[in-house]
């Protein structure tokens, strides 16, 4: 005969234990042990809960900081690009304004001019146009109605311009005021200043007089501005007097210059 209950003793023990548990619960005798267990396990549960909260906050902070760093890096890249684009636009605007201004000072129907960017300044002013653009040695370089210098060497893509302050620069010039004009030779003084020399004593020249080109050199148009008189040097016993001349503007501020081609 097959046994219906494999272990009768265990079965009876479980039934007995169930009755006892039911009875104790009925008279609320299990409340004290359950409360005891609650007081023991509750701080542990609370600690685990708070720890999980802190760990979650730490992970959130790490992820948020990483995301903020990535966004900050992207913003810096975008800002740098905007600054670059803005600088490029401002440069193009300045060049466009220089082109318009140049046409107002030197008539493009009279003078054939090539615009060039200054790309270096040492003894000579280096420009970004050369043989490929038709630039030749000896051509005058101007900005508006001001004479900048003369092309002294040319490569395929660039050229060097001798400035008025160069010691080898010599230009026939005159100053003009209400009392008349004074003629002389404008020479560079070792790259620091310009001197109008060989002025006759009887010729009138004053501070702030504008000095112009005579145009006797052939390559240089007459009437281009060379500078402004900053000091007059006159000695009674000398045959000639002199005048120091300052450029009207700083070469380093120019976005474009213009080569006057033959």
C-alpha atoms as a PDB file:
ATOM      1  CA  UNK A   1       0.000   0.000   0.000  1.00  0.00           C
ATOM      2  CA  UNK A   2       1.402   3.411  -1.035  1.00  0.00           C
ATOM      3  CA  UNK A   3       1.859   6.010   1.734  1.00  0.00           C
ATOM      4  CA  UNK A   4      -0.237   9.162   1.163  1.00  0.00           C
ATOM      5  CA  UNK A   5       1.844  11.164   3.641  1.00  0.00           C
ATOM      6  CA  UNK A   6       5.581  10.387   3.298  1.00  0.00           C
ATOM      7  CA  UNK A   7       6.507  11.583   6.852  1.00  0.00           C
ATOM      8  CA  UNK A   8       3.586  11.492   9.232  1.00  0.00           C
ATOM      9  CA  UNK A   9       5.575  12.734  12.246  1.00  0.00           C
ATOM     10  CA  UNK A  10       6.794  15.838  10.414  1.00  0.00           C
ATOM     11  CA  UNK A  11       3.297  16.515   9.136  1.00  0.00           C
ATOM     12  CA  UNK A  12       1.809  16.251  12.641  1.00  0.00           C
ATOM     13  CA  UNK A  13       4.563  18.499  14.051  1.00  0.00           C
ATOM     14  CA  UNK A  14       3.848  21.196  11.470  1.00  0.00           C
ATOM     15  CA  UNK A  15       0.134  21.036  12.244  1.00  0.00           C
ATOM     16  CA  UNK A  16       0.895  21.336  15.946  1.00  0.00           C
ATOM     17  CA  UNK A  17       3.239  24.274  15.331  1.00  0.00           C
ATOM     18  CA  UNK A  18       0.594  26.018  13.227  1.00  0.00           C
ATOM     19  CA  UNK A  19      -1.991  25.660  16.035  1.00  0.00           C
ATOM     20  CA  UNK A  20       0.443  27.031  18.581  1.00  0.00           C
ATOM     21  CA  UNK A  21       1.349  29.988  16.325  1.00  0.00           C
ATOM     22  CA  UNK A  22      -2.332  30.680  15.689  1.00  0.00           C
ATOM     23  CA  UNK A  23      -3.076  30.517  19.357  1.00  0.00           C
ATOM     24  CA  UNK A  24      -0.219  32.810  20.351  1.00  0.00           C
ATOM     25  CA  UNK A  25      -1.208  35.312  17.663  1.00  0.00           C
ATOM     26  CA  UNK A  26      -4.816  35.199  18.850  1.00  0.00           C
ATOM     27  CA  UNK A  27      -3.815  36.248  22.336  1.00  0.00           C
ATOM     28  CA  UNK A  28      -1.292  38.802  20.807  1.00  0.00           C
ATOM     29  CA  UNK A  29       1.719  37.043  22.316  1.00  0.00           C
ATOM     30  CA  UNK A  30       3.660  37.376  18.999  1.00  0.00           C
ATOM     31  CA  UNK A  31       3.446  41.180  19.048  1.00  0.00           C
ATOM     32  CA  UNK A  32       6.420  41.584  21.379  1.00  0.00           C
ATOM     33  CA  UNK A  33       8.853  39.467  19.284  1.00  0.00           C
ATOM     34  CA  UNK A  34       7.719  41.221  16.071  1.00  0.00           C
ATOM     35  CA  UNK A  35       8.261  44.647  17.632  1.00  0.00           C
ATOM     36  CA  UNK A  36      11.649  43.494  18.918  1.00  0.00           C
ATOM     37  CA  UNK A  37      12.629  42.379  15.413  1.00  0.00           C
ATOM     38  CA  UNK A  38      11.301  45.679  13.983  1.00  0.00           C
ATOM     39  CA  UNK A  39      13.431  47.755  16.371  1.00  0.00           C
ATOM     40  CA  UNK A  40      16.484  45.700  15.483  1.00  0.00           C
ATOM     41  CA  UNK A  41      16.030  45.686  11.727  1.00  0.00           C
ATOM     42  CA  UNK A  42      14.584  49.201  11.274  1.00  0.00           C
ATOM     43  CA  UNK A  43      17.911  51.151  11.809  1.00  0.00           C
ATOM     44  CA  UNK A  44      19.626  48.736   9.461  1.00  0.00           C
ATOM     45  CA  UNK A  45      16.926  49.227   6.831  1.00  0.00           C
ATOM     46  CA  UNK A  46      17.033  52.994   7.305  1.00  0.00           C
ATOM     47  CA  UNK A  47      20.824  52.993   7.002  1.00  0.00           C
ATOM     48  CA  UNK A  48      20.649  50.954   3.808  1.00  0.00           C
ATOM     49  CA  UNK A  49      17.996  53.328   2.441  1.00  0.00           C
ATOM     50  CA  UNK A  50      20.038  56.470   3.243  1.00  0.00           C
ATOM     51  CA  UNK A  51      23.200  54.898   1.850  1.00  0.00           C
ATOM     52  CA  UNK A  52      21.409  54.071  -1.384  1.00  0.00           C
ATOM     53  CA  UNK A  53      20.192  57.685  -1.543  1.00  0.00           C
ATOM     54  CA  UNK A  54      23.716  59.059  -1.011  1.00  0.00           C
ATOM     55  CA  UNK A  55      25.191  56.687  -3.576  1.00  0.00           C
ATOM     56  CA  UNK A  56      22.495  57.741  -6.043  1.00  0.00           C
ATOM     57  CA  UNK A  57      23.262  61.428  -5.413  1.00  0.00           C
ATOM     58  CA  UNK A  58      26.982  60.815  -5.898  1.00  0.00           C
ATOM     59  CA  UNK A  59      26.393  59.015  -9.173  1.00  0.00           C
ATOM     60  CA  UNK A  60      24.059  61.828 -10.286  1.00  0.00           C
ATOM     61  CA  UNK A  61      26.671  64.437  -9.362  1.00  0.00           C
ATOM     62  CA  UNK A  62      29.374  62.585 -11.308  1.00  0.00           C
ATOM     63  CA  UNK A  63      27.181  62.229 -14.380  1.00  0.00           C
ATOM     64  CA  UNK A  64      25.945  65.831 -14.112  1.00  0.00           C
ATOM     65  CA  UNK A  65      29.511  67.169 -13.731  1.00  0.00           C
ATOM     66  CA  UNK A  66      30.662  65.146 -16.714  1.00  0.00           C
ATOM     67  CA  UNK A  67      27.744  66.366 -18.805  1.00  0.00           C
ATOM     68  CA  UNK A  68      28.353  69.964 -17.721  1.00  0.00           C
ATOM     69  CA  UNK A  69      32.034  69.620 -18.640  1.00  0.00           C
ATOM     70  CA  UNK A  70      31.135  68.331 -22.083  1.00  0.00           C
ATOM     71  CA  UNK A  71      28.612  71.142 -22.579  1.00  0.00           C
ATOM     72  CA  UNK A  72      31.147  73.726 -21.379  1.00  0.00           C
ATOM     73  CA  UNK A  73      33.735  72.391 -23.809  1.00  0.00           C
ATOM     74  CA  UNK A  74      31.207  72.540 -26.647  1.00  0.00           C
ATOM     75  CA  UNK A  75      30.241  76.109 -25.677  1.00  0.00           C
ATOM     76  CA  UNK A  76      33.897  77.186 -25.635  1.00  0.00           C
ATOM     77  CA  UNK A  77      34.413  75.697 -29.081  1.00  0.00           C
ATOM     78  CA  UNK A  78      31.300  77.453 -30.383  1.00  0.00           C
ATOM     79  CA  UNK A  79      32.359  80.742 -28.767  1.00  0.00           C
ATOM     80  CA  UNK A  80      35.824  80.469 -30.282  1.00  0.00           C
ATOM     81  CA  UNK A  81      34.314  79.846 -33.694  1.00  0.00           C
ATOM     82  CA  UNK A  82      32.013  82.862 -33.303  1.00  0.00           C
ATOM     83  CA  UNK A  83      34.959  85.076 -32.298  1.00  0.00           C
ATOM     84  CA  UNK A  84      36.910  83.843 -35.304  1.00  0.00           C
ATOM     85  CA  UNK A  85      33.996  84.466 -37.655  1.00  0.00           C
ATOM     86  CA  UNK A  86      33.424  87.908 -36.138  1.00  0.00           C
ATOM     87  CA  UNK A  87      37.087  88.842 -36.556  1.00  0.00           C
ATOM     88  CA  UNK A  88      37.015  87.622 -40.142  1.00  0.00           C
ATOM     89  CA  UNK A  89      33.868  89.663 -40.873  1.00  0.00           C
ATOM     90  CA  UNK A  90      35.365  92.765 -39.283  1.00  0.00           C
ATOM     91  CA  UNK A  91      38.525  92.314 -41.326  1.00  0.00           C
ATOM     92  CA  UNK A  92      36.542  91.948 -44.544  1.00  0.00           C
ATOM     93  CA  UNK A  93      34.462  95.013 -43.642  1.00  0.00           C
ATOM     94  CA  UNK A  94      37.606  97.058 -42.976  1.00  0.00           C
ATOM     95  CA  UNK A  95      39.063  95.942 -46.307  1.00  0.00           C
ATOM     96  CA  UNK A  96      35.835  96.838 -48.132  1.00  0.00           C
ATOM     97  CA  UNK A  97      35.835 100.274 -46.488  1.00  0.00           C
ATOM     98  CA  UNK A  98      39.486 100.754 -47.458  1.00  0.00           C
ATOM     99  CA  UNK A  99      38.694  99.909 -51.093  1.00  0.00           C
ATOM    100  CA  UNK A 100      35.853 102.432 -51.201  1.00  0.00           C
ATOM    101  CA  UNK A 101      37.941 105.095 -49.473  1.00  0.00           C
ATOM    102  CA  UNK A 102      40.865 104.503 -51.822  1.00  0.00           C
ATOM    103  CA  UNK A 103      38.698 105.123 -54.880  1.00  0.00           C
ATOM    104  CA  UNK A 104      37.591 108.423 -53.365  1.00  0.00           C
ATOM    105  CA  UNK A 105      41.203 109.619 -52.954  1.00  0.00           C
ATOM    106  CA  UNK A 106      42.901 108.249 -56.075  1.00  0.00           C
ATOM    107  CA  UNK A 107      40.698 107.965 -59.152  1.00  0.00           C
ATOM    108  CA  UNK A 108      40.787 104.337 -60.419  1.00  0.00           C
ATOM    109  CA  UNK A 109      40.325 105.688 -63.961  1.00  0.00           C
ATOM    110  CA  UNK A 110      43.615 107.560 -63.604  1.00  0.00           C
ATOM    111  CA  UNK A 111      45.593 105.059 -61.544  1.00  0.00           C
ATOM    112  CA  UNK A 112      45.717 101.304 -61.988  1.00  0.00           C
ATOM    113  CA  UNK A 113      45.976  99.973 -58.441  1.00  0.00           C
ATOM    114  CA  UNK A 114      46.309  96.507 -56.906  1.00  0.00           C
ATOM    115  CA  UNK A 115      45.151  95.954 -53.324  1.00  0.00           C
ATOM    116  CA  UNK A 116      47.524  94.010 -51.056  1.00  0.00           C
ATOM    117  CA  UNK A 117      47.512  92.955 -47.411  1.00  0.00           C
ATOM    118  CA  UNK A 118      50.477  93.772 -45.156  1.00  0.00           C
ATOM    119  CA  UNK A 119      51.825  90.460 -43.836  1.00  0.00           C
ATOM    120  CA  UNK A 120      55.048  91.497 -42.117  1.00  0.00           C
ATOM    121  CA  UNK A 121      56.963  94.531 -40.897  1.00  0.00           C
ATOM    122  CA  UNK A 122      60.698  94.722 -40.368  1.00  0.00           C
ATOM    123  CA  UNK A 123      63.016  97.007 -42.227  1.00  0.00           C
ATOM    124  CA  UNK A 124      60.564  96.612 -45.113  1.00  0.00           C
ATOM    125  CA  UNK A 125      56.811  96.252 -45.216  1.00  0.00           C
ATOM    126  CA  UNK A 126      55.971  92.843 -46.673  1.00  0.00           C
ATOM    127  CA  UNK A 127      52.773  92.519 -48.727  1.00  0.00           C
ATOM    128  CA  UNK A 128      50.949  89.424 -49.993  1.00  0.00           C
ATOM    129  CA  UNK A 129      51.079  90.267 -53.710  1.00  0.00           C
ATOM    130  CA  UNK A 130      54.022  89.637 -56.019  1.00  0.00           C
ATOM    131  CA  UNK A 131      54.973  88.704 -59.574  1.00  0.00           C
ATOM    132  CA  UNK A 132      51.847  86.577 -60.031  1.00  0.00           C
ATOM    133  CA  UNK A 133      49.732  89.715 -59.441  1.00  0.00           C
ATOM    134  CA  UNK A 134      51.832  91.845 -61.783  1.00  0.00           C
ATOM    135  CA  UNK A 135      53.767  93.709 -59.054  1.00  0.00           C
ATOM    136  CA  UNK A 136      57.097  95.164 -60.187  1.00  0.00           C
ATOM    137  CA  UNK A 137      60.146  96.676 -58.503  1.00  0.00           C
ATOM    138  CA  UNK A 138      59.991 100.476 -58.357  1.00  0.00           C
ATOM    139  CA  UNK A 139      56.218 100.821 -58.105  1.00  0.00           C
ATOM    140  CA  UNK A 140      54.726 103.188 -55.527  1.00  0.00           C
ATOM    141  CA  UNK A 141      52.560 101.942 -52.677  1.00  0.00           C
ATOM    142  CA  UNK A 142      49.835 104.186 -51.247  1.00  0.00           C
ATOM    143  CA  UNK A 143      46.958 104.263 -48.779  1.00  0.00           C
ATOM    144  CA  UNK A 144      44.195 106.703 -49.667  1.00  0.00           C
ATOM    145  CA  UNK A 145      46.208 109.801 -50.691  1.00  0.00           C
ATOM    146  CA  UNK A 146      49.221 108.936 -48.528  1.00  0.00           C
ATOM    147  CA  UNK A 147      52.489 107.582 -49.911  1.00  0.00           C
ATOM    148  CA  UNK A 148      53.630 104.470 -48.032  1.00  0.00           C
ATOM    149  CA  UNK A 149      56.800 103.516 -49.871  1.00  0.00           C
ATOM    150  CA  UNK A 150      58.332 101.893 -52.931  1.00  0.00           C
ATOM    151  CA  UNK A 151      58.547  98.246 -53.973  1.00  0.00           C
ATOM    152  CA  UNK A 152      62.218  97.208 -53.772  1.00  0.00           C
ATOM    153  CA  UNK A 153      62.029  93.415 -54.219  1.00  0.00           C
ATOM    154  CA  UNK A 154      59.438  90.971 -55.547  1.00  0.00           C
ATOM    155  CA  UNK A 155      58.899  87.216 -55.307  1.00  0.00           C
ATOM    156  CA  UNK A 156      56.165  85.134 -56.894  1.00  0.00           C
ATOM    157  CA  UNK A 157      53.637  85.672 -54.119  1.00  0.00           C
ATOM    158  CA  UNK A 158      54.932  88.650 -52.118  1.00  0.00           C
ATOM    159  CA  UNK A 159      56.912  91.877 -52.274  1.00  0.00           C
ATOM    160  CA  UNK A 160      58.955  94.121 -49.968  1.00  0.00           C
ATOM    161  CA  UNK A 161      58.135  97.822 -49.693  1.00  0.00           C
ATOM    162  CA  UNK A 162      60.777 100.361 -48.648  1.00  0.00           C
ATOM    163  CA  UNK A 163      59.175 102.787 -46.195  1.00  0.00           C
ATOM    164  CA  UNK A 164      59.849 106.515 -45.895  1.00  0.00           C
ATOM    165  CA  UNK A 165      61.697 105.901 -42.608  1.00  0.00           C
ATOM    166  CA  UNK A 166      64.263 103.644 -44.324  1.00  0.00           C
ATOM    167  CA  UNK A 167      67.739 105.279 -44.471  1.00  0.00           C
ATOM    168  CA  UNK A 168      67.948 104.533 -48.219  1.00  0.00           C
ATOM    169  CA  UNK A 169      64.639 106.312 -48.922  1.00  0.00           C
ATOM    170  CA  UNK A 170      64.873 109.720 -50.621  1.00  0.00           C
ATOM    171  CA  UNK A 171      61.853 111.540 -52.036  1.00  0.00           C
ATOM    172  CA  UNK A 172      61.551 115.051 -53.463  1.00  0.00           C
ATOM    173  CA  UNK A 173      58.965 116.857 -51.313  1.00  0.00           C
ATOM    174  CA  UNK A 174      57.411 120.188 -50.451  1.00  0.00           C
ATOM    175  CA  UNK A 175      55.365 121.629 -47.604  1.00  0.00           C
ATOM    176  CA  UNK A 176      52.465 124.010 -48.089  1.00  0.00           C
ATOM    177  CA  UNK A 177      51.011 126.778 -45.886  1.00  0.00           C
ATOM    178  CA  UNK A 178      49.420 130.233 -46.228  1.00  0.00           C
ATOM    179  CA  UNK A 179      52.855 131.870 -46.552  1.00  0.00           C
ATOM    180  CA  UNK A 180      53.942 129.697 -49.445  1.00  0.00           C
ATOM    181  CA  UNK A 181      55.816 126.449 -49.803  1.00  0.00           C
ATOM    182  CA  UNK A 182      59.170 124.993 -48.841  1.00  0.00           C
ATOM    183  CA  UNK A 183      60.951 122.429 -50.995  1.00  0.00           C
ATOM    184  CA  UNK A 184      63.431 119.802 -49.902  1.00  0.00           C
ATOM    185  CA  UNK A 185      64.472 116.148 -49.934  1.00  0.00           C
ATOM    186  CA  UNK A 186      62.652 113.811 -47.568  1.00  0.00           C
ATOM    187  CA  UNK A 187      65.066 111.181 -46.238  1.00  0.00           C
ATOM    188  CA  UNK A 188      64.685 108.298 -43.802  1.00  0.00           C
ATOM    189  CA  UNK A 189      66.651 108.426 -40.569  1.00  0.00           C
ATOM    190  CA  UNK A 190      67.682 104.867 -39.694  1.00  0.00           C
ATOM    191  CA  UNK A 191      64.114 103.623 -39.455  1.00  0.00           C
ATOM    192  CA  UNK A 192      62.998 105.935 -36.638  1.00  0.00           C
ATOM    193  CA  UNK A 193      61.928 109.217 -38.222  1.00  0.00           C
ATOM    194  CA  UNK A 194      61.829 111.240 -41.433  1.00  0.00           C
ATOM    195  CA  UNK A 195      63.783 114.423 -42.139  1.00  0.00           C
ATOM    196  CA  UNK A 196      62.968 117.068 -44.750  1.00  0.00           C
ATOM    197  CA  UNK A 197      66.420 118.369 -45.694  1.00  0.00           C
ATOM    198  CA  UNK A 198      67.882 121.036 -48.022  1.00  0.00           C
ATOM    199  CA  UNK A 199      65.222 123.673 -47.291  1.00  0.00           C
ATOM    200  CA  UNK A 200      66.279 127.204 -48.172  1.00  0.00           C
ATOM    201  CA  UNK A 201      66.259 129.612 -45.211  1.00  0.00           C
ATOM    202  CA  UNK A 202      63.968 132.085 -46.922  1.00  0.00           C
ATOM    203  CA  UNK A 203      61.294 129.452 -47.554  1.00  0.00           C
ATOM    204  CA  UNK A 204      58.521 129.319 -44.974  1.00  0.00           C
ATOM    205  CA  UNK A 205      57.804 126.090 -43.133  1.00  0.00           C
ATOM    206  CA  UNK A 206      55.854 125.751 -39.885  1.00  0.00           C
ATOM    207  CA  UNK A 207      54.808 123.107 -37.379  1.00  0.00           C
ATOM    208  CA  UNK A 208      51.853 120.962 -38.527  1.00  0.00           C
ATOM    209  CA  UNK A 209      52.456 121.801 -42.201  1.00  0.00           C
ATOM    210  CA  UNK A 210      51.558 118.890 -44.486  1.00  0.00           C
ATOM    211  CA  UNK A 211      54.408 117.566 -46.647  1.00  0.00           C
ATOM    212  CA  UNK A 212      53.620 116.333 -50.174  1.00  0.00           C
ATOM    213  CA  UNK A 213      55.462 114.452 -52.903  1.00  0.00           C
ATOM    214  CA  UNK A 214      56.910 116.485 -55.800  1.00  0.00           C
ATOM    215  CA  UNK A 215      56.513 113.582 -58.223  1.00  0.00           C
ATOM    216  CA  UNK A 216      59.861 114.118 -59.953  1.00  0.00           C
ATOM    217  CA  UNK A 217      60.963 110.513 -59.428  1.00  0.00           C
ATOM    218  CA  UNK A 218      58.740 109.160 -62.200  1.00  0.00           C
ATOM    219  CA  UNK A 219      57.216 106.287 -60.217  1.00  0.00           C
ATOM    220  CA  UNK A 220      55.545 108.573 -57.666  1.00  0.00           C
ATOM    221  CA  UNK A 221      52.488 110.752 -58.429  1.00  0.00           C
ATOM    222  CA  UNK A 222      52.673 114.406 -57.391  1.00  0.00           C
ATOM    223  CA  UNK A 223      50.704 115.559 -54.380  1.00  0.00           C
ATOM    224  CA  UNK A 224      50.622 112.398 -52.259  1.00  0.00           C
ATOM    225  CA  UNK A 225      50.855 113.109 -48.532  1.00  0.00           C
ATOM    226  CA  UNK A 226      54.187 112.150 -46.951  1.00  0.00           C
ATOM    227  CA  UNK A 227      53.631 113.353 -43.396  1.00  0.00           C
ATOM    228  CA  UNK A 228      53.255 116.322 -41.074  1.00  0.00           C
ATOM    229  CA  UNK A 229      55.982 118.690 -39.796  1.00  0.00           C
ATOM    230  CA  UNK A 230      56.704 118.025 -36.118  1.00  0.00           C
ATOM    231  CA  UNK A 231      59.824 120.210 -35.640  1.00  0.00           C
ATOM    232  CA  UNK A 232      61.742 122.858 -37.591  1.00  0.00           C
ATOM    233  CA  UNK A 233      65.544 122.886 -37.242  1.00  0.00           C
ATOM    234  CA  UNK A 234      67.175 126.138 -38.375  1.00  0.00           C
ATOM    235  CA  UNK A 235      70.685 127.488 -37.700  1.00  0.00           C
ATOM    236  CA  UNK A 236      71.704 130.971 -38.833  1.00  0.00           C
ATOM    237  CA  UNK A 237      75.081 129.980 -40.236  1.00  0.00           C
ATOM    238  CA  UNK A 238      73.790 126.999 -42.219  1.00  0.00           C
ATOM    239  CA  UNK A 239      72.830 127.353 -45.850  1.00  0.00           C
ATOM    240  CA  UNK A 240      69.800 125.115 -45.426  1.00  0.00           C
ATOM    241  CA  UNK A 241      67.349 124.328 -42.667  1.00  0.00           C
ATOM    242  CA  UNK A 242      65.614 121.069 -41.854  1.00  0.00           C
ATOM    243  CA  UNK A 243      62.288 119.824 -40.544  1.00  0.00           C
ATOM    244  CA  UNK A 244      61.343 116.603 -38.797  1.00  0.00           C
ATOM    245  CA  UNK A 245      58.290 114.928 -40.321  1.00  0.00           C
ATOM    246  CA  UNK A 246      55.934 112.455 -38.674  1.00  0.00           C
ATOM    247  CA  UNK A 247      53.761 109.997 -40.672  1.00  0.00           C
ATOM    248  CA  UNK A 248      50.029 110.710 -40.611  1.00  0.00           C
ATOM    249  CA  UNK A 249      49.178 107.195 -39.389  1.00  0.00           C
ATOM    250  CA  UNK A 250      50.766 104.009 -38.068  1.00  0.00           C
ATOM    251  CA  UNK A 251      51.621 101.485 -40.794  1.00  0.00           C
ATOM    252  CA  UNK A 252      50.697  98.648 -38.422  1.00  0.00           C
ATOM    253  CA  UNK A 253      47.052  99.786 -38.340  1.00  0.00           C
ATOM    254  CA  UNK A 254      46.466  99.279 -42.069  1.00  0.00           C
ATOM    255  CA  UNK A 255      44.359  96.390 -43.359  1.00  0.00           C
ATOM    256  CA  UNK A 256      45.156  97.093 -47.030  1.00  0.00           C
ATOM    257  CA  UNK A 257      47.667  99.087 -49.069  1.00  0.00           C
ATOM    258  CA  UNK A 258      47.532  99.797 -52.787  1.00  0.00           C
ATOM    259  CA  UNK A 259      50.301  99.303 -55.335  1.00  0.00           C
ATOM    260  CA  UNK A 260      50.147 101.927 -58.095  1.00  0.00           C
ATOM    261  CA  UNK A 261      51.066 100.017 -61.228  1.00  0.00           C
ATOM    262  CA  UNK A 262      52.675 101.563 -64.289  1.00  0.00           C
END
